[in-house]
């Protein structure tokens, strides 16, 4: 494998890693949004999804500060 192929493979692996992280974050944001719309509390959402209260609260803050933001936009903010 030459240096170019090594660089391409590293880039591909990095891209997959980022894509997986975004996908997982989008899924969590979506689940939190749905549970929030059902009127569940931070603690209830945290327990249901087995997440830390602080993380759920952060997501809820992002959802409520601008309801026009998509799950993807919120996920990208969380991953910064």
PDB file of N, CA and C in Angstrom:
ATOM      1  N   UNK A   1       0.849  -1.172   0.000  1.00  0.00           N
ATOM      2  CA  UNK A   1       0.000   0.000   0.000  1.00  0.00           C
ATOM      3  C   UNK A   1       0.901   1.243   0.000  1.00  0.00           C
ATOM      4  N   UNK A   2       0.669   2.134  -0.953  1.00  0.00           N
ATOM      5  CA  UNK A   2       1.480   3.347  -0.993  1.00  0.00           C
ATOM      6  C   UNK A   2       0.877   4.426  -0.092  1.00  0.00           C
ATOM      7  N   UNK A   3       1.579   5.512   0.033  1.00  0.00           N
ATOM      8  CA  UNK A   3       1.173   6.577   0.964  1.00  0.00           C
ATOM      9  C   UNK A   3      -0.174   7.187   0.582  1.00  0.00           C
ATOM     10  N   UNK A   4      -0.467   7.278  -0.711  1.00  0.00           N
ATOM     11  CA  UNK A   4      -1.750   7.819  -1.150  1.00  0.00           C
ATOM     12  C   UNK A   4      -2.879   6.899  -0.725  1.00  0.00           C
ATOM     13  N   UNK A   5      -2.716   5.609  -0.909  1.00  0.00           N
ATOM     14  CA  UNK A   5      -3.741   4.651  -0.509  1.00  0.00           C
ATOM     15  C   UNK A   5      -3.952   4.653   1.004  1.00  0.00           C
ATOM     16  N   UNK A   6      -2.872   4.823   1.743  1.00  0.00           N
ATOM     17  CA  UNK A   6      -2.965   4.889   3.203  1.00  0.00           C
ATOM     18  C   UNK A   6      -3.771   6.126   3.610  1.00  0.00           C
ATOM     19  N   UNK A   7      -3.494   7.250   2.966  1.00  0.00           N
ATOM     20  CA  UNK A   7      -4.219   8.492   3.258  1.00  0.00           C
ATOM     21  C   UNK A   7      -5.691   8.375   2.913  1.00  0.00           C
ATOM     22  N   UNK A   8      -5.985   7.768   1.782  1.00  0.00           N
ATOM     23  CA  UNK A   8      -7.381   7.578   1.380  1.00  0.00           C
ATOM     24  C   UNK A   8      -8.103   6.690   2.386  1.00  0.00           C
ATOM     25  N   UNK A   9      -7.475   5.613   2.792  1.00  0.00           N
ATOM     26  CA  UNK A   9      -8.092   4.690   3.757  1.00  0.00           C
ATOM     27  C   UNK A   9      -8.331   5.389   5.097  1.00  0.00           C
ATOM     28  N   UNK A  10      -7.365   6.186   5.549  1.00  0.00           N
ATOM     29  CA  UNK A  10      -7.543   6.916   6.807  1.00  0.00           C
ATOM     30  C   UNK A  10      -8.707   7.889   6.691  1.00  0.00           C
ATOM     31  N   UNK A  11      -8.799   8.575   5.575  1.00  0.00           N
ATOM     32  CA  UNK A  11      -9.903   9.507   5.352  1.00  0.00           C
ATOM     33  C   UNK A  11     -11.246   8.800   5.345  1.00  0.00           C
ATOM     34  N   UNK A  12     -11.279   7.642   4.742  1.00  0.00           N
ATOM     35  CA  UNK A  12     -12.514   6.854   4.693  1.00  0.00           C
ATOM     36  C   UNK A  12     -12.922   6.418   6.103  1.00  0.00           C
ATOM     37  N   UNK A  13     -11.958   5.936   6.870  1.00  0.00           N
ATOM     38  CA  UNK A  13     -12.238   5.498   8.240  1.00  0.00           C
ATOM     39  C   UNK A  13     -12.717   6.673   9.105  1.00  0.00           C
ATOM     40  N   UNK A  14     -12.058   7.825   8.950  1.00  0.00           N
ATOM     41  CA  UNK A  14     -12.469   9.015   9.704  1.00  0.00           C
ATOM     42  C   UNK A  14     -13.896   9.420   9.331  1.00  0.00           C
ATOM     43  N   UNK A  15     -14.205   9.361   8.045  1.00  0.00           N
ATOM     44  CA  UNK A  15     -15.550   9.700   7.570  1.00  0.00           C
ATOM     45  C   UNK A  15     -16.606   8.765   8.134  1.00  0.00           C
ATOM     46  N   UNK A  16     -16.297   7.485   8.179  1.00  0.00           N
ATOM     47  CA  UNK A  16     -17.233   6.518   8.749  1.00  0.00           C
ATOM     48  C   UNK A  16     -17.459   6.789  10.234  1.00  0.00           C
ATOM     49  N   UNK A  17     -16.395   7.102  10.940  1.00  0.00           N
ATOM     50  CA  UNK A  17     -16.488   7.382  12.374  1.00  0.00           C
ATOM     51  C   UNK A  17     -17.380   8.599  12.625  1.00  0.00           C
ATOM     52  N   UNK A  18     -17.172   9.642  11.855  1.00  0.00           N
ATOM     53  CA  UNK A  18     -17.968  10.866  11.990  1.00  0.00           C
ATOM     54  C   UNK A  18     -19.426  10.582  11.641  1.00  0.00           C
ATOM     55  N   UNK A  19     -19.641   9.830  10.572  1.00  0.00           N
ATOM     56  CA  UNK A  19     -21.001   9.493  10.151  1.00  0.00           C
ATOM     57  C   UNK A  19     -21.748   8.690  11.198  1.00  0.00           C
ATOM     58  N   UNK A  20     -21.069   7.747  11.802  1.00  0.00           N
ATOM     59  CA  UNK A  20     -21.705   6.953  12.863  1.00  0.00           C
ATOM     60  C   UNK A  20     -22.063   7.823  14.062  1.00  0.00           C
ATOM     61  N   UNK A  21     -21.157   8.711  14.445  1.00  0.00           N
ATOM     62  CA  UNK A  21     -21.412   9.595  15.585  1.00  0.00           C
ATOM     63  C   UNK A  21     -22.594  10.512  15.295  1.00  0.00           C
ATOM     64  N   UNK A  22     -22.659  11.064  14.081  1.00  0.00           N
ATOM     65  CA  UNK A  22     -23.788  11.920  13.706  1.00  0.00           C
ATOM     66  C   UNK A  22     -25.084  11.130  13.726  1.00  0.00           C
ATOM     67  N   UNK A  23     -25.049   9.928  13.182  1.00  0.00           N
ATOM     68  CA  UNK A  23     -26.243   9.093  13.147  1.00  0.00           C
ATOM     69  C   UNK A  23     -26.768   8.783  14.536  1.00  0.00           C
ATOM     70  N   UNK A  24     -25.881   8.447  15.443  1.00  0.00           N
ATOM     71  CA  UNK A  24     -26.281   8.155  16.820  1.00  0.00           C
ATOM     72  C   UNK A  24     -26.840   9.403  17.499  1.00  0.00           C
ATOM     73  N   UNK A  25     -26.198  10.549  17.276  1.00  0.00           N
ATOM     74  CA  UNK A  25     -26.666  11.801  17.883  1.00  0.00           C
ATOM     75  C   UNK A  25     -28.045  12.183  17.330  1.00  0.00           C
ATOM     76  N   UNK A  26     -28.254  12.015  16.029  1.00  0.00           N
ATOM     77  CA  UNK A  26     -29.553  12.322  15.420  1.00  0.00           C
ATOM     78  C   UNK A  26     -30.632  11.436  16.031  1.00  0.00           C
ATOM     79  N   UNK A  27     -30.322  10.168  16.194  1.00  0.00           N
ATOM     80  CA  UNK A  27     -31.282   9.222  16.767  1.00  0.00           C
ATOM     81  C   UNK A  27     -31.671   9.649  18.189  1.00  0.00           C
ATOM     82  N   UNK A  28     -30.678  10.016  19.003  1.00  0.00           N
ATOM     83  CA  UNK A  28     -30.965  10.440  20.375  1.00  0.00           C
ATOM     84  C   UNK A  28     -31.779  11.732  20.410  1.00  0.00           C
ATOM     85  N   UNK A  29     -31.415  12.696  19.571  1.00  0.00           N
ATOM     86  CA  UNK A  29     -32.158  13.960  19.523  1.00  0.00           C
ATOM     87  C   UNK A  29     -33.608  13.694  19.139  1.00  0.00           C
ATOM     88  N   UNK A  30     -33.805  12.838  18.155  1.00  0.00           N
ATOM     89  CA  UNK A  30     -35.150  12.505  17.691  1.00  0.00           C
ATOM     90  C   UNK A  30     -35.969  11.851  18.803  1.00  0.00           C
ATOM     91  N   UNK A  31     -35.369  10.915  19.527  1.00  0.00           N
ATOM     92  CA  UNK A  31     -36.084  10.241  20.614  1.00  0.00           C
ATOM     93  C   UNK A  31     -36.404  11.214  21.743  1.00  0.00           C
ATOM     94  N   UNK A  32     -35.455  12.088  22.069  1.00  0.00           N
ATOM     95  CA  UNK A  32     -35.693  13.078  23.127  1.00  0.00           C
ATOM     96  C   UNK A  32     -36.800  14.036  22.702  1.00  0.00           C
ATOM     97  N   UNK A  33     -36.779  14.469  21.434  1.00  0.00           N
ATOM     98  CA  UNK A  33     -37.805  15.388  20.934  1.00  0.00           C
ATOM     99  C   UNK A  33     -39.197  14.754  21.047  1.00  0.00           C
ATOM    100  N   UNK A  34     -39.316  13.486  20.639  1.00  0.00           N
ATOM    101  CA  UNK A  34     -40.618  12.806  20.697  1.00  0.00           C
ATOM    102  C   UNK A  34     -41.109  12.672  22.140  1.00  0.00           C
ATOM    103  N   UNK A  35     -40.211  12.329  23.044  1.00  0.00           N
ATOM    104  CA  UNK A  35     -40.604  12.170  24.446  1.00  0.00           C
ATOM    105  C   UNK A  35     -40.948  13.526  25.067  1.00  0.00           C
ATOM    106  N   UNK A  36     -40.243  14.561  24.671  1.00  0.00           N
ATOM    107  CA  UNK A  36     -40.546  15.905  25.137  1.00  0.00           C
ATOM    108  C   UNK A  36     -41.935  16.326  24.660  1.00  0.00           C
ATOM    109  N   UNK A  37     -42.261  16.018  23.402  1.00  0.00           N
ATOM    110  CA  UNK A  37     -43.579  16.350  22.848  1.00  0.00           C
ATOM    111  C   UNK A  37     -44.699  15.606  23.575  1.00  0.00           C
ATOM    112  N   UNK A  38     -44.386  14.455  24.144  1.00  0.00           N
ATOM    113  CA  UNK A  38     -45.370  13.693  24.927  1.00  0.00           C
ATOM    114  C   UNK A  38     -45.511  14.240  26.336  1.00  0.00           C
ATOM    115  N   UNK A  39     -44.683  15.234  26.684  1.00  0.00           N
ATOM    116  CA  UNK A  39     -44.787  15.882  27.979  1.00  0.00           C
ATOM    117  C   UNK A  39     -43.967  15.247  29.086  1.00  0.00           C
ATOM    118  N   UNK A  40     -43.026  14.371  28.730  1.00  0.00           N
ATOM    119  CA  UNK A  40     -42.196  13.735  29.750  1.00  0.00           C
ATOM    120  C   UNK A  40     -41.181  14.724  30.318  1.00  0.00           C
ATOM    121  N   UNK A  41     -40.834  14.521  31.574  1.00  0.00           N
ATOM    122  CA  UNK A  41     -39.847  15.374  32.238  1.00  0.00           C
ATOM    123  C   UNK A  41     -38.434  14.964  31.842  1.00  0.00           C
ATOM    124  N   UNK A  42     -37.473  15.810  32.179  1.00  0.00           N
ATOM    125  CA  UNK A  42     -36.061  15.509  31.915  1.00  0.00           C
ATOM    126  C   UNK A  42     -35.689  14.185  32.573  1.00  0.00           C
ATOM    127  N   UNK A  43     -36.076  14.016  33.818  1.00  0.00           N
ATOM    128  CA  UNK A  43     -35.733  12.796  34.555  1.00  0.00           C
ATOM    129  C   UNK A  43     -36.366  11.567  33.910  1.00  0.00           C
ATOM    130  N   UNK A  44     -37.624  11.674  33.506  1.00  0.00           N
ATOM    131  CA  UNK A  44     -38.309  10.543  32.872  1.00  0.00           C
ATOM    132  C   UNK A  44     -37.645  10.172  31.547  1.00  0.00           C
ATOM    133  N   UNK A  45     -37.270  11.181  30.769  1.00  0.00           N
ATOM    134  CA  UNK A  45     -36.590  10.933  29.489  1.00  0.00           C
ATOM    135  C   UNK A  45     -35.229  10.299  29.749  1.00  0.00           C
ATOM    136  N   UNK A  46     -34.503  10.841  30.695  1.00  0.00           N
ATOM    137  CA  UNK A  46     -33.176  10.308  31.038  1.00  0.00           C
ATOM    138  C   UNK A  46     -33.261   8.842  31.436  1.00  0.00           C
ATOM    139  N   UNK A  47     -34.216   8.524  32.282  1.00  0.00           N
ATOM    140  CA  UNK A  47     -34.371   7.138  32.728  1.00  0.00           C
ATOM    141  C   UNK A  47     -34.790   6.227  31.588  1.00  0.00           C
ATOM    142  N   UNK A  48     -35.719   6.682  30.764  1.00  0.00           N
ATOM    143  CA  UNK A  48     -36.212   5.865  29.653  1.00  0.00           C
ATOM    144  C   UNK A  48     -35.109   5.560  28.640  1.00  0.00           C
ATOM    145  N   UNK A  49     -34.256   6.542  28.390  1.00  0.00           N
ATOM    146  CA  UNK A  49     -33.206   6.385  27.378  1.00  0.00           C
ATOM    147  C   UNK A  49     -31.847   6.017  27.971  1.00  0.00           C
ATOM    148  N   UNK A  50     -31.810   5.918  29.309  1.00  0.00           N
ATOM    149  CA  UNK A  50     -30.571   5.602  30.022  1.00  0.00           C
ATOM    150  C   UNK A  50     -29.450   6.590  29.682  1.00  0.00           C
ATOM    151  N   UNK A  51     -29.803   7.889  29.789  1.00  0.00           N
ATOM    152  CA  UNK A  51     -28.871   8.979  29.526  1.00  0.00           C
ATOM    153  C   UNK A  51     -28.745   9.843  30.771  1.00  0.00           C
ATOM    154  N   UNK A  52     -27.681  10.629  30.818  1.00  0.00           N
ATOM    155  CA  UNK A  52     -27.484  11.569  31.922  1.00  0.00           C
ATOM    156  C   UNK A  52     -28.499  12.715  31.811  1.00  0.00           C
ATOM    157  N   UNK A  53     -29.003  13.162  32.974  1.00  0.00           N
ATOM    158  CA  UNK A  53     -29.944  14.285  32.995  1.00  0.00           C
ATOM    159  C   UNK A  53     -29.363  15.512  32.293  1.00  0.00           C
ATOM    160  N   UNK A  54     -28.079  15.785  32.529  1.00  0.00           N
ATOM    161  CA  UNK A  54     -27.446  16.980  31.958  1.00  0.00           C
ATOM    162  C   UNK A  54     -27.452  16.936  30.435  1.00  0.00           C
ATOM    163  N   UNK A  55     -27.209  15.763  29.854  1.00  0.00           N
ATOM    164  CA  UNK A  55     -27.207  15.635  28.389  1.00  0.00           C
ATOM    165  C   UNK A  55     -28.616  15.862  27.846  1.00  0.00           C
ATOM    166  N   UNK A  56     -29.598  15.232  28.479  1.00  0.00           N
ATOM    167  CA  UNK A  56     -30.989  15.395  28.035  1.00  0.00           C
ATOM    168  C   UNK A  56     -31.395  16.862  28.148  1.00  0.00           C
ATOM    169  N   UNK A  57     -31.034  17.514  29.238  1.00  0.00           N
ATOM    170  CA  UNK A  57     -31.367  18.928  29.412  1.00  0.00           C
ATOM    171  C   UNK A  57     -30.720  19.785  28.334  1.00  0.00           C
ATOM    172  N   UNK A  58     -29.485  19.479  27.990  1.00  0.00           N
ATOM    173  CA  UNK A  58     -28.791  20.235  26.933  1.00  0.00           C
ATOM    174  C   UNK A  58     -29.523  20.092  25.603  1.00  0.00           C
ATOM    175  N   UNK A  59     -29.935  18.873  25.287  1.00  0.00           N
ATOM    176  CA  UNK A  59     -30.671  18.641  24.039  1.00  0.00           C
ATOM    177  C   UNK A  59     -32.002  19.387  24.067  1.00  0.00           C
ATOM    178  N   UNK A  60     -32.704  19.301  25.175  1.00  0.00           N
ATOM    179  CA  UNK A  60     -33.985  20.002  25.295  1.00  0.00           C
ATOM    180  C   UNK A  60     -33.794  21.503  25.134  1.00  0.00           C
ATOM    181  N   UNK A  61     -32.749  22.053  25.729  1.00  0.00           N
ATOM    182  CA  UNK A  61     -32.473  23.488  25.574  1.00  0.00           C
ATOM    183  C   UNK A  61     -32.267  23.847  24.113  1.00  0.00           C
ATOM    184  N   UNK A  62     -31.528  23.020  23.387  1.00  0.00           N
ATOM    185  CA  UNK A  62     -31.293  23.283  21.962  1.00  0.00           C
ATOM    186  C   UNK A  62     -32.582  23.168  21.155  1.00  0.00           C
ATOM    187  N   UNK A  63     -33.423  22.208  21.496  1.00  0.00           N
ATOM    188  CA  UNK A  63     -34.697  22.036  20.796  1.00  0.00           C
ATOM    189  C   UNK A  63     -35.609  23.227  21.039  1.00  0.00           C
ATOM    190  N   UNK A  64     -35.692  23.656  22.283  1.00  0.00           N
ATOM    191  CA  UNK A  64     -36.650  24.713  22.624  1.00  0.00           C
ATOM    192  C   UNK A  64     -36.173  26.122  22.273  1.00  0.00           C
ATOM    193  N   UNK A  65     -34.868  26.330  22.193  1.00  0.00           N
ATOM    194  CA  UNK A  65     -34.389  27.687  21.871  1.00  0.00           C
ATOM    195  C   UNK A  65     -34.678  28.049  20.424  1.00  0.00           C
ATOM    196  N   UNK A  66     -34.768  27.067  19.537  1.00  0.00           N
ATOM    197  CA  UNK A  66     -35.105  27.323  18.128  1.00  0.00           C
ATOM    198  C   UNK A  66     -35.766  26.070  17.575  1.00  0.00           C
ATOM    199  N   UNK A  67     -37.085  26.042  17.640  1.00  0.00           N
ATOM    200  CA  UNK A  67     -37.824  24.836  17.249  1.00  0.00           C
ATOM    201  C   UNK A  67     -37.719  24.529  15.752  1.00  0.00           C
ATOM    202  N   UNK A  68     -37.178  25.469  14.971  1.00  0.00           N
ATOM    203  CA  UNK A  68     -37.036  25.212  13.541  1.00  0.00           C
ATOM    204  C   UNK A  68     -35.775  24.397  13.219  1.00  0.00           C
ATOM    205  N   UNK A  69     -34.893  24.230  14.214  1.00  0.00           N
ATOM    206  CA  UNK A  69     -33.674  23.442  13.984  1.00  0.00           C
ATOM    207  C   UNK A  69     -34.038  21.973  13.812  1.00  0.00           C
ATOM    208  N   UNK A  70     -33.422  21.365  12.822  1.00  0.00           N
ATOM    209  CA  UNK A  70     -33.650  19.937  12.584  1.00  0.00           C
ATOM    210  C   UNK A  70     -32.842  19.106  13.572  1.00  0.00           C
ATOM    211  N   UNK A  71     -33.178  17.826  13.638  1.00  0.00           N
ATOM    212  CA  UNK A  71     -32.419  16.916  14.493  1.00  0.00           C
ATOM    213  C   UNK A  71     -30.952  16.875  14.057  1.00  0.00           C
ATOM    214  N   UNK A  72     -30.704  16.925  12.758  1.00  0.00           N
ATOM    215  CA  UNK A  72     -29.330  16.928  12.249  1.00  0.00           C
ATOM    216  C   UNK A  72     -28.573  18.173  12.711  1.00  0.00           C
ATOM    217  N   UNK A  73     -29.213  19.332  12.624  1.00  0.00           N
ATOM    218  CA  UNK A  73     -28.549  20.568  13.057  1.00  0.00           C
ATOM    219  C   UNK A  73     -28.195  20.515  14.545  1.00  0.00           C
ATOM    220  N   UNK A  74     -29.122  20.014  15.348  1.00  0.00           N
ATOM    221  CA  UNK A  74     -28.866  19.900  16.781  1.00  0.00           C
ATOM    222  C   UNK A  74     -27.762  18.890  17.039  1.00  0.00           C
ATOM    223  N   UNK A  75     -27.787  17.770  16.328  1.00  0.00           N
ATOM    224  CA  UNK A  75     -26.745  16.742  16.495  1.00  0.00           C
ATOM    225  C   UNK A  75     -25.366  17.315  16.185  1.00  0.00           C
ATOM    226  N   UNK A  76     -25.267  18.102  15.136  1.00  0.00           N
ATOM    227  CA  UNK A  76     -23.979  18.707  14.777  1.00  0.00           C
ATOM    228  C   UNK A  76     -23.485  19.660  15.865  1.00  0.00           C
ATOM    229  N   UNK A  77     -24.403  20.400  16.481  1.00  0.00           N
ATOM    230  CA  UNK A  77     -24.030  21.280  17.587  1.00  0.00           C
ATOM    231  C   UNK A  77     -23.499  20.454  18.752  1.00  0.00           C
ATOM    232  N   UNK A  78     -24.164  19.364  19.054  1.00  0.00           N
ATOM    233  CA  UNK A  78     -23.762  18.512  20.170  1.00  0.00           C
ATOM    234  C   UNK A  78     -22.388  17.875  19.950  1.00  0.00           C
ATOM    235  N   UNK A  79     -22.054  17.621  18.697  1.00  0.00           N
ATOM    236  CA  UNK A  79     -20.784  16.952  18.389  1.00  0.00           C
ATOM    237  C   UNK A  79     -19.608  17.896  18.276  1.00  0.00           C
ATOM    238  N   UNK A  80     -19.839  19.183  18.345  1.00  0.00           N
ATOM    239  CA  UNK A  80     -18.732  20.154  18.259  1.00  0.00           C
ATOM    240  C   UNK A  80     -17.850  20.062  19.457  1.00  0.00           C
TER     241      UNK A  80
END
